[in-house]
Amino acid sequence: MVGPPDTRRRYRQCEYHKDHGHDTDSCYALKDHLEELVQDGRLQQHVQKNPIKTVALRQDLPPLGIIHMIYDLPTPLVVHVIQAPQKQLTPSRQLYEAPSIIFNDSDLIGVTLPHSDPLVIELHVNRFVVECVFIDQGSTLEVMYYETFVRLGLNQSDLSLAPHPLFGFNANPEYLLGRITLPVRADSRTMDVEFLVINLPSPYNIIMGRTWLHAIQAVPSTYHQLLRFLTQHGIEQIRGSLHSAPAFCPPPEIPNRNILD
C-alpha cells in the first residue's frame, strides 16, 4: 500500500491486501497477479472464452445474389398465350411431334472417361471454319473475340454500335467494340447470328450461348461431347473437338483454312 496509513482513504477496503485505501476491484496488484495465473494455465476453469463465430446455411433465407457467367442487358420479352384448340383435329391436321433428342452409352464411343472437358466444337462462320467454339449454356448471348474477328477478314467499319457493356468476365463491365451479324452453319442448319465483339484474351475463338442454342433447338451434352439439334432432315449432331480442353485450343489461324463454297 502506498502512503502513510493516516492519509489513506479508510472507507475503501481491499480484500487482497487486507488493508484500506482503495477498492478490491481497482487493485492493480491483484489484476497483475490474476493475469500471471491465467498465463500459467492455472485459472482456465474461470476464464470465459470468446465463442467462434460461424455462419450456418439456412434453407429458408433468400440468396444474397446470383453470380452469372456472361450476360447482357436483356430485351423485353413478348409473351404469347397459346390457347387450346376448341375443335377436334382430324388425323391429317394433327400437330407435328418433333423427334426426341436423347443420349445413351453408345454415344460415348471415342470419348475418354472420366473427363471434365467443356463442349468445344467447330462451326462455319462467314465462309470460314472456326475451331475452338465454346458452347456456354450460362451465356445469354454470343461473343466473338477480336482476334477471331480480324482473322475473318473484318474491320471496325463492319461493326455496329453496341448499346450496353458486357458483364460477367470480371467484376467490372467490359465495353464492347461493337456487334455484327454473320451467317453460322452447323451441319445443314444455317442461321444469321448477332455477335458481340470484345477485345479480351481467351483460349476460345467464339462463345455460343443460349440464344443460338434455343434458336436451332439444340441440346448439348458435355458428358457425351455432343451437340444435337433439329433440322428439316431430322436430328443432326456435331461432336466435340478432340482439342476440347482450352489448353489444347491452338491460336486462331482462320485465314489459312479453306474457304467454304
C-alpha atoms as a PDB file:
ATOM      1  CA  MET A   1       0.000   0.000   0.000  1.00  0.00           C
ATOM      2  CA  VAL A   2       1.310   3.472  -0.916  1.00  0.00           C
ATOM      3  CA  GLY A   3       1.282   6.386   1.537  1.00  0.00           C
ATOM      4  CA  PRO A   4       1.229   6.624   5.280  1.00  0.00           C
ATOM      5  CA  PRO A   5      -1.656   4.852   6.996  1.00  0.00           C
ATOM      6  CA  ASP A   6      -3.154   8.069   8.373  1.00  0.00           C
ATOM      7  CA  THR A   7      -3.518   9.614   4.855  1.00  0.00           C
ATOM      8  CA  ARG A   8      -5.242   6.647   3.160  1.00  0.00           C
ATOM      9  CA  ARG A   9      -8.959   6.565   2.451  1.00  0.00           C
ATOM     10  CA  ARG A  10     -10.240   4.409   5.282  1.00  0.00           C
ATOM     11  CA  TYR A  11     -13.671   3.910   3.757  1.00  0.00           C
ATOM     12  CA  ARG A  12     -12.147   1.910   0.882  1.00  0.00           C
ATOM     13  CA  GLN A  13     -11.187  -1.662   1.695  1.00  0.00           C
ATOM     14  CA  CYS A  14      -9.000  -4.039  -0.341  1.00  0.00           C
ATOM     15  CA  GLU A  15      -9.591  -7.704   0.378  1.00  0.00           C
ATOM     16  CA  TYR A  16      -6.402  -8.708  -1.444  1.00  0.00           C
ATOM     17  CA  HIS A  17      -4.135  -6.528   0.732  1.00  0.00           C
ATOM     18  CA  LYS A  18      -6.362  -6.797   3.818  1.00  0.00           C
ATOM     19  CA  ASP A  19      -5.993  -3.058   4.178  1.00  0.00           C
ATOM     20  CA  HIS A  20      -7.813   0.156   3.307  1.00  0.00           C
ATOM     21  CA  GLY A  21      -7.033   2.927   0.834  1.00  0.00           C
ATOM     22  CA  HIS A  22      -8.563   1.508  -2.418  1.00  0.00           C
ATOM     23  CA  ASP A  23     -11.241  -0.937  -3.551  1.00  0.00           C
ATOM     24  CA  THR A  24     -10.556  -4.555  -4.432  1.00  0.00           C
ATOM     25  CA  ASP A  25     -11.925  -4.010  -7.989  1.00  0.00           C
ATOM     26  CA  SER A  26      -9.345  -1.271  -8.625  1.00  0.00           C
ATOM     27  CA  CYS A  27      -6.364  -3.122  -7.147  1.00  0.00           C
ATOM     28  CA  TYR A  28      -3.650  -3.236  -9.836  1.00  0.00           C
ATOM     29  CA  ALA A  29      -1.545  -5.682  -7.883  1.00  0.00           C
ATOM     30  CA  LEU A  30      -4.436  -8.149  -7.778  1.00  0.00           C
ATOM     31  CA  LYS A  31      -5.055  -7.756 -11.505  1.00  0.00           C
ATOM     32  CA  ASP A  32      -1.408  -8.395 -12.327  1.00  0.00           C
ATOM     33  CA  HIS A  33      -1.366 -11.474 -10.111  1.00  0.00           C
ATOM     34  CA  LEU A  34      -4.518 -12.883 -11.734  1.00  0.00           C
ATOM     35  CA  GLU A  35      -3.086 -12.287 -15.205  1.00  0.00           C
ATOM     36  CA  GLU A  36       0.031 -14.262 -14.254  1.00  0.00           C
ATOM     37  CA  LEU A  37      -2.134 -17.165 -13.051  1.00  0.00           C
ATOM     38  CA  VAL A  38      -4.117 -17.140 -16.302  1.00  0.00           C
ATOM     39  CA  GLN A  39      -0.941 -17.181 -18.415  1.00  0.00           C
ATOM     40  CA  ASP A  40       0.308 -20.140 -16.362  1.00  0.00           C
ATOM     41  CA  GLY A  41      -2.920 -22.004 -17.139  1.00  0.00           C
ATOM     42  CA  ARG A  42      -3.990 -22.249 -13.508  1.00  0.00           C
ATOM     43  CA  LEU A  43      -7.350 -20.453 -13.897  1.00  0.00           C
ATOM     44  CA  GLN A  44      -8.651 -21.935 -17.133  1.00  0.00           C
ATOM     45  CA  GLN A  45     -11.897 -23.064 -15.484  1.00  0.00           C
ATOM     46  CA  HIS A  46     -12.662 -19.447 -14.595  1.00  0.00           C
ATOM     47  CA  VAL A  47     -11.737 -17.873 -17.957  1.00  0.00           C
ATOM     48  CA  GLN A  48     -14.617 -17.122 -20.295  1.00  0.00           C
ATOM     49  CA  LYS A  49     -13.621 -17.923 -23.847  1.00  0.00           C
ATOM     50  CA  ASN A  50     -14.925 -15.932 -26.795  1.00  0.00           C
ATOM     51  CA  PRO A  51     -17.131 -18.205 -28.909  1.00  0.00           C
ATOM     52  CA  ILE A  52     -16.104 -18.842 -32.515  1.00  0.00           C
ATOM     53  CA  LYS A  53     -18.466 -17.058 -34.873  1.00  0.00           C
ATOM     54  CA  THR A  54     -19.886 -19.341 -37.532  1.00  0.00           C
ATOM     55  CA  VAL A  55     -22.437 -18.686 -40.243  1.00  0.00           C
ATOM     56  CA  ALA A  56     -24.921 -21.500 -40.687  1.00  0.00           C
ATOM     57  CA  LEU A  57     -26.618 -22.014 -44.036  1.00  0.00           C
ATOM     58  CA  ARG A  58     -30.341 -21.607 -43.614  1.00  0.00           C
ATOM     59  CA  GLN A  59     -32.548 -23.027 -46.301  1.00  0.00           C
ATOM     60  CA  ASP A  60     -35.345 -20.536 -45.634  1.00  0.00           C
ATOM     61  CA  LEU A  61     -33.249 -17.434 -46.370  1.00  0.00           C
ATOM     62  CA  PRO A  62     -33.126 -15.962 -49.900  1.00  0.00           C
ATOM     63  CA  PRO A  63     -29.732 -15.829 -51.641  1.00  0.00           C
ATOM     64  CA  LEU A  64     -27.716 -12.634 -51.336  1.00  0.00           C
ATOM     65  CA  GLY A  65     -27.178 -12.537 -55.064  1.00  0.00           C
ATOM     66  CA  ILE A  66     -26.554 -14.522 -58.219  1.00  0.00           C
ATOM     67  CA  ILE A  67     -23.149 -14.884 -59.840  1.00  0.00           C
ATOM     68  CA  HIS A  68     -23.730 -15.076 -63.572  1.00  0.00           C
ATOM     69  CA  MET A  69     -21.374 -16.012 -66.369  1.00  0.00           C
ATOM     70  CA  ILE A  70     -21.712 -13.816 -69.441  1.00  0.00           C
ATOM     71  CA  TYR A  71     -24.813 -11.757 -69.917  1.00  0.00           C
ATOM     72  CA  ASP A  72     -26.086  -8.592 -71.484  1.00  0.00           C
ATOM     73  CA  LEU A  73     -28.950  -6.306 -70.573  1.00  0.00           C
ATOM     74  CA  PRO A  74     -31.978  -8.341 -71.655  1.00  0.00           C
ATOM     75  CA  THR A  75     -34.500  -7.054 -74.138  1.00  0.00           C
ATOM     76  CA  PRO A  76     -38.173  -7.055 -73.115  1.00  0.00           C
ATOM     77  CA  LEU A  77     -39.838 -10.390 -73.670  1.00  0.00           C
ATOM     78  CA  VAL A  78     -43.069 -10.682 -75.609  1.00  0.00           C
ATOM     79  CA  VAL A  79     -45.460 -13.145 -74.006  1.00  0.00           C
ATOM     80  CA  HIS A  80     -47.664 -15.148 -76.335  1.00  0.00           C
ATOM     81  CA  VAL A  81     -50.627 -17.007 -74.889  1.00  0.00           C
ATOM     82  CA  ILE A  82     -51.391 -20.266 -76.660  1.00  0.00           C
ATOM     83  CA  GLN A  83     -54.966 -21.407 -76.195  1.00  0.00           C
ATOM     84  CA  ALA A  84     -56.069 -24.994 -76.507  1.00  0.00           C
ATOM     85  CA  PRO A  85     -57.923 -25.762 -79.752  1.00  0.00           C
ATOM     86  CA  GLN A  86     -61.679 -25.742 -79.421  1.00  0.00           C
ATOM     87  CA  LYS A  87     -62.353 -28.278 -82.167  1.00  0.00           C
ATOM     88  CA  GLN A  88     -61.244 -31.857 -82.591  1.00  0.00           C
ATOM     89  CA  LEU A  89     -58.369 -32.129 -85.038  1.00  0.00           C
ATOM     90  CA  THR A  90     -58.577 -34.612 -87.857  1.00  0.00           C
ATOM     91  CA  PRO A  91     -55.671 -37.059 -88.315  1.00  0.00           C
ATOM     92  CA  SER A  92     -54.373 -35.031 -91.264  1.00  0.00           C
ATOM     93  CA  ARG A  93     -54.232 -31.930 -89.093  1.00  0.00           C
ATOM     94  CA  GLN A  94     -52.600 -33.457 -86.051  1.00  0.00           C
ATOM     95  CA  LEU A  95     -49.753 -31.409 -84.601  1.00  0.00           C
ATOM     96  CA  TYR A  96     -46.309 -32.489 -85.750  1.00  0.00           C
ATOM     97  CA  GLU A  97     -44.373 -34.191 -82.998  1.00  0.00           C
ATOM     98  CA  ALA A  98     -40.659 -33.449 -83.160  1.00  0.00           C
ATOM     99  CA  PRO A  99     -38.357 -36.423 -82.616  1.00  0.00           C
ATOM    100  CA  SER A 100     -36.863 -36.724 -79.155  1.00  0.00           C
ATOM    101  CA  ILE A 101     -33.219 -35.843 -78.601  1.00  0.00           C
ATOM    102  CA  ILE A 102     -31.645 -38.404 -76.301  1.00  0.00           C
ATOM    103  CA  PHE A 103     -28.166 -39.572 -75.344  1.00  0.00           C
ATOM    104  CA  ASN A 104     -27.041 -43.037 -74.283  1.00  0.00           C
ATOM    105  CA  ASP A 105     -23.860 -45.016 -73.655  1.00  0.00           C
ATOM    106  CA  SER A 106     -23.373 -45.741 -77.349  1.00  0.00           C
ATOM    107  CA  ASP A 107     -22.625 -42.018 -77.792  1.00  0.00           C
ATOM    108  CA  LEU A 108     -19.587 -42.390 -75.547  1.00  0.00           C
ATOM    109  CA  ILE A 109     -17.600 -44.302 -78.187  1.00  0.00           C
ATOM    110  CA  GLY A 110     -14.377 -42.380 -78.711  1.00  0.00           C
ATOM    111  CA  VAL A 111     -14.817 -40.328 -75.518  1.00  0.00           C
ATOM    112  CA  THR A 112     -12.119 -40.797 -72.908  1.00  0.00           C
ATOM    113  CA  LEU A 113     -13.670 -41.275 -69.473  1.00  0.00           C
ATOM    114  CA  PRO A 114     -13.616 -39.884 -66.910  1.00  0.00           C
ATOM    115  CA  HIS A 115     -13.321 -36.302 -68.124  1.00  0.00           C
ATOM    116  CA  SER A 116     -14.424 -32.786 -67.196  1.00  0.00           C
ATOM    117  CA  ASP A 117     -13.999 -31.203 -70.620  1.00  0.00           C
ATOM    118  CA  PRO A 118     -16.271 -28.418 -71.804  1.00  0.00           C
ATOM    119  CA  LEU A 119     -18.090 -28.852 -75.085  1.00  0.00           C
ATOM    120  CA  VAL A 120     -15.977 -27.183 -77.769  1.00  0.00           C
ATOM    121  CA  ILE A 121     -16.951 -27.622 -81.416  1.00  0.00           C
ATOM    122  CA  GLU A 122     -16.272 -26.350 -84.933  1.00  0.00           C
ATOM    123  CA  LEU A 123     -18.691 -24.107 -86.814  1.00  0.00           C
ATOM    124  CA  HIS A 124     -18.713 -22.487 -90.216  1.00  0.00           C
ATOM    125  CA  VAL A 125     -18.833 -18.722 -89.756  1.00  0.00           C
ATOM    126  CA  ASN A 126     -18.842 -16.269 -92.673  1.00  0.00           C
ATOM    127  CA  ARG A 127     -17.487 -18.965 -95.015  1.00  0.00           C
ATOM    128  CA  PHE A 128     -14.628 -19.925 -92.684  1.00  0.00           C
ATOM    129  CA  VAL A 129     -14.133 -22.968 -90.492  1.00  0.00           C
ATOM    130  CA  VAL A 130     -13.774 -21.754 -86.913  1.00  0.00           C
ATOM    131  CA  GLU A 131     -12.377 -24.107 -84.316  1.00  0.00           C
ATOM    132  CA  CYS A 132     -12.496 -23.746 -80.531  1.00  0.00           C
ATOM    133  CA  VAL A 133     -16.111 -22.611 -80.348  1.00  0.00           C
ATOM    134  CA  PHE A 134     -17.180 -22.857 -76.711  1.00  0.00           C
ATOM    135  CA  ILE A 135     -20.784 -23.952 -76.057  1.00  0.00           C
ATOM    136  CA  ASP A 136     -21.774 -21.984 -72.946  1.00  0.00           C
ATOM    137  CA  GLN A 137     -25.252 -22.598 -71.559  1.00  0.00           C
ATOM    138  CA  GLY A 138     -24.563 -19.964 -68.916  1.00  0.00           C
ATOM    139  CA  SER A 139     -24.346 -17.200 -71.509  1.00  0.00           C
ATOM    140  CA  THR A 140     -27.408 -15.420 -72.875  1.00  0.00           C
ATOM    141  CA  LEU A 141     -25.569 -14.129 -75.910  1.00  0.00           C
ATOM    142  CA  GLU A 142     -22.911 -14.931 -78.478  1.00  0.00           C
ATOM    143  CA  VAL A 143     -19.424 -13.468 -78.129  1.00  0.00           C
ATOM    144  CA  MET A 144     -16.680 -13.162 -80.725  1.00  0.00           C
ATOM    145  CA  TYR A 145     -13.155 -12.278 -79.691  1.00  0.00           C
ATOM    146  CA  TYR A 146     -11.339  -9.576 -81.609  1.00  0.00           C
ATOM    147  CA  GLU A 147      -8.563 -11.919 -82.781  1.00  0.00           C
ATOM    148  CA  THR A 148     -11.173 -14.078 -84.494  1.00  0.00           C
ATOM    149  CA  PHE A 149     -12.980 -11.015 -85.849  1.00  0.00           C
ATOM    150  CA  VAL A 150      -9.799  -9.814 -87.572  1.00  0.00           C
ATOM    151  CA  ARG A 151      -8.954 -13.252 -88.969  1.00  0.00           C
ATOM    152  CA  LEU A 152     -12.378 -13.426 -90.526  1.00  0.00           C
ATOM    153  CA  GLY A 153     -11.279 -10.544 -92.732  1.00  0.00           C
ATOM    154  CA  LEU A 154     -13.424  -7.964 -90.932  1.00  0.00           C
ATOM    155  CA  ASN A 155     -12.579  -4.499 -89.655  1.00  0.00           C
ATOM    156  CA  GLN A 156     -14.017  -1.786 -87.428  1.00  0.00           C
ATOM    157  CA  SER A 157     -16.184  -0.365 -90.211  1.00  0.00           C
ATOM    158  CA  ASP A 158     -18.152  -3.646 -90.259  1.00  0.00           C
ATOM    159  CA  LEU A 159     -19.277  -3.188 -86.650  1.00  0.00           C
ATOM    160  CA  SER A 160     -22.493  -1.650 -85.412  1.00  0.00           C
ATOM    161  CA  LEU A 161     -22.792   0.219 -82.148  1.00  0.00           C
ATOM    162  CA  ALA A 162     -23.293  -1.953 -79.050  1.00  0.00           C
ATOM    163  CA  PRO A 163     -25.626  -0.064 -76.670  1.00  0.00           C
ATOM    164  CA  HIS A 164     -24.632  -1.821 -73.443  1.00  0.00           C
ATOM    165  CA  PRO A 165     -21.426  -3.022 -71.798  1.00  0.00           C
ATOM    166  CA  LEU A 166     -20.816  -6.697 -71.193  1.00  0.00           C
ATOM    167  CA  PHE A 167     -20.812  -8.152 -67.697  1.00  0.00           C
ATOM    168  CA  GLY A 168     -19.549 -11.448 -66.315  1.00  0.00           C
ATOM    169  CA  PHE A 169     -15.893 -11.656 -67.372  1.00  0.00           C
ATOM    170  CA  ASN A 170     -14.711  -9.915 -64.206  1.00  0.00           C
ATOM    171  CA  ALA A 171     -16.008  -7.539 -61.573  1.00  0.00           C
ATOM    172  CA  ASN A 172     -16.009  -4.593 -63.978  1.00  0.00           C
ATOM    173  CA  PRO A 173     -18.116  -4.012 -67.092  1.00  0.00           C
ATOM    174  CA  GLU A 174     -16.310  -4.670 -70.355  1.00  0.00           C
ATOM    175  CA  TYR A 175     -17.079  -2.189 -73.103  1.00  0.00           C
ATOM    176  CA  LEU A 176     -17.633  -3.812 -76.451  1.00  0.00           C
ATOM    177  CA  LEU A 177     -16.017  -2.928 -79.737  1.00  0.00           C
ATOM    178  CA  GLY A 178     -19.398  -3.382 -81.372  1.00  0.00           C
ATOM    179  CA  ARG A 179     -21.709  -6.014 -82.768  1.00  0.00           C
ATOM    180  CA  ILE A 180     -22.008  -7.780 -86.094  1.00  0.00           C
ATOM    181  CA  THR A 181     -24.388 -10.299 -87.663  1.00  0.00           C
ATOM    182  CA  LEU A 182     -22.834 -13.188 -89.552  1.00  0.00           C
ATOM    183  CA  PRO A 183     -24.127 -16.446 -91.040  1.00  0.00           C
ATOM    184  CA  VAL A 184     -23.346 -19.503 -88.936  1.00  0.00           C
ATOM    185  CA  ARG A 185     -23.695 -23.009 -90.332  1.00  0.00           C
ATOM    186  CA  ALA A 186     -23.967 -26.078 -88.104  1.00  0.00           C
ATOM    187  CA  ASP A 187     -24.045 -29.129 -90.364  1.00  0.00           C
ATOM    188  CA  SER A 188     -27.012 -28.414 -92.672  1.00  0.00           C
ATOM    189  CA  ARG A 189     -28.515 -25.681 -90.472  1.00  0.00           C
ATOM    190  CA  THR A 190     -27.604 -22.082 -91.340  1.00  0.00           C
ATOM    191  CA  MET A 191     -28.728 -19.062 -89.341  1.00  0.00           C
ATOM    192  CA  ASP A 192     -27.748 -15.424 -89.039  1.00  0.00           C
ATOM    193  CA  VAL A 193     -26.271 -14.806 -85.590  1.00  0.00           C
ATOM    194  CA  GLU A 194     -25.506 -11.489 -83.894  1.00  0.00           C
ATOM    195  CA  PHE A 195     -22.120 -11.484 -82.182  1.00  0.00           C
ATOM    196  CA  LEU A 196     -20.813  -9.053 -79.613  1.00  0.00           C
ATOM    197  CA  VAL A 197     -17.154  -8.348 -80.348  1.00  0.00           C
ATOM    198  CA  ILE A 198     -14.832  -7.867 -77.402  1.00  0.00           C
ATOM    199  CA  ASN A 199     -11.084  -7.366 -77.133  1.00  0.00           C
ATOM    200  CA  LEU A 200     -10.023  -9.774 -74.379  1.00  0.00           C
ATOM    201  CA  PRO A 201      -7.608 -12.720 -74.320  1.00  0.00           C
ATOM    202  CA  SER A 202      -9.298 -16.113 -74.461  1.00  0.00           C
ATOM    203  CA  PRO A 203      -8.453 -19.740 -75.275  1.00  0.00           C
ATOM    204  CA  TYR A 204     -11.608 -19.775 -77.408  1.00  0.00           C
ATOM    205  CA  ASN A 205     -12.453 -18.080 -80.683  1.00  0.00           C
ATOM    206  CA  ILE A 206     -16.197 -17.744 -80.154  1.00  0.00           C
ATOM    207  CA  ILE A 207     -18.719 -18.334 -77.390  1.00  0.00           C
ATOM    208  CA  MET A 208     -22.141 -19.595 -78.446  1.00  0.00           C
ATOM    209  CA  GLY A 209     -24.807 -19.098 -75.790  1.00  0.00           C
ATOM    210  CA  ARG A 210     -28.420 -19.946 -75.161  1.00  0.00           C
ATOM    211  CA  THR A 211     -29.819 -17.544 -77.755  1.00  0.00           C
ATOM    212  CA  TRP A 212     -28.334 -19.587 -80.582  1.00  0.00           C
ATOM    213  CA  LEU A 213     -28.919 -22.933 -78.847  1.00  0.00           C
ATOM    214  CA  HIS A 214     -32.618 -22.183 -78.427  1.00  0.00           C
ATOM    215  CA  ALA A 215     -32.950 -20.806 -81.947  1.00  0.00           C
ATOM    216  CA  ILE A 216     -31.774 -24.078 -83.517  1.00  0.00           C
ATOM    217  CA  GLN A 217     -33.429 -26.190 -80.787  1.00  0.00           C
ATOM    218  CA  ALA A 218     -30.100 -27.679 -79.768  1.00  0.00           C
ATOM    219  CA  VAL A 219     -29.389 -29.925 -76.783  1.00  0.00           C
ATOM    220  CA  PRO A 220     -25.731 -30.093 -75.686  1.00  0.00           C
ATOM    221  CA  SER A 221     -24.176 -32.830 -73.565  1.00  0.00           C
ATOM    222  CA  THR A 222     -20.726 -32.116 -72.189  1.00  0.00           C
ATOM    223  CA  TYR A 223     -20.536 -35.673 -70.834  1.00  0.00           C
ATOM    224  CA  HIS A 224     -21.197 -37.235 -74.246  1.00  0.00           C
ATOM    225  CA  GLN A 225     -19.294 -34.441 -76.047  1.00  0.00           C
ATOM    226  CA  LEU A 226     -22.181 -33.973 -78.441  1.00  0.00           C
ATOM    227  CA  LEU A 227     -24.439 -31.179 -79.672  1.00  0.00           C
ATOM    228  CA  ARG A 228     -27.674 -32.411 -81.209  1.00  0.00           C
ATOM    229  CA  PHE A 229     -30.298 -30.238 -82.865  1.00  0.00           C
ATOM    230  CA  LEU A 230     -33.383 -30.435 -85.029  1.00  0.00           C
ATOM    231  CA  THR A 231     -33.360 -29.814 -88.765  1.00  0.00           C
ATOM    232  CA  GLN A 232     -35.786 -30.430 -91.593  1.00  0.00           C
ATOM    233  CA  HIS A 233     -33.871 -33.640 -92.232  1.00  0.00           C
ATOM    234  CA  GLY A 234     -34.273 -34.865 -88.652  1.00  0.00           C
ATOM    235  CA  ILE A 235     -31.791 -34.800 -85.790  1.00  0.00           C
ATOM    236  CA  GLU A 236     -28.246 -33.822 -86.683  1.00  0.00           C
ATOM    237  CA  GLN A 237     -25.221 -33.616 -84.431  1.00  0.00           C
ATOM    238  CA  ILE A 238     -21.778 -32.098 -84.018  1.00  0.00           C
ATOM    239  CA  ARG A 239     -19.250 -33.943 -81.909  1.00  0.00           C
ATOM    240  CA  GLY A 240     -16.942 -32.108 -79.558  1.00  0.00           C
ATOM    241  CA  SER A 241     -13.489 -31.341 -80.879  1.00  0.00           C
ATOM    242  CA  LEU A 242     -10.616 -33.602 -79.883  1.00  0.00           C
ATOM    243  CA  HIS A 243      -8.953 -30.379 -78.726  1.00  0.00           C
ATOM    244  CA  SER A 244     -11.848 -29.524 -76.430  1.00  0.00           C
ATOM    245  CA  ALA A 245      -9.689 -28.619 -73.416  1.00  0.00           C
ATOM    246  CA  PRO A 246      -8.778 -24.916 -73.540  1.00  0.00           C
ATOM    247  CA  ALA A 247      -5.079 -25.649 -73.176  1.00  0.00           C
ATOM    248  CA  PHE A 248      -5.169 -27.578 -76.461  1.00  0.00           C
ATOM    249  CA  CYS A 249      -7.016 -24.920 -78.463  1.00  0.00           C
ATOM    250  CA  PRO A 250      -4.471 -23.572 -80.966  1.00  0.00           C
ATOM    251  CA  PRO A 251      -4.312 -19.865 -81.750  1.00  0.00           C
ATOM    252  CA  PRO A 252      -6.919 -18.926 -84.359  1.00  0.00           C
ATOM    253  CA  GLU A 253      -5.489 -19.134 -87.877  1.00  0.00           C
ATOM    254  CA  ILE A 254      -8.744 -18.958 -89.749  1.00  0.00           C
ATOM    255  CA  PRO A 255      -7.471 -17.226 -92.927  1.00  0.00           C
ATOM    256  CA  ASN A 256      -5.143 -20.191 -93.558  1.00  0.00           C
ATOM    257  CA  ARG A 257      -8.052 -22.631 -93.672  1.00  0.00           C
ATOM    258  CA  ASN A 258     -10.079 -23.498 -96.741  1.00  0.00           C
ATOM    259  CA  ILE A 259     -12.902 -21.163 -97.679  1.00  0.00           C
ATOM    260  CA  LEU A 260     -16.231 -22.911 -97.986  1.00  0.00           C
ATOM    261  CA  ASP A 261     -18.171 -22.579-101.224  1.00  0.00           C
END
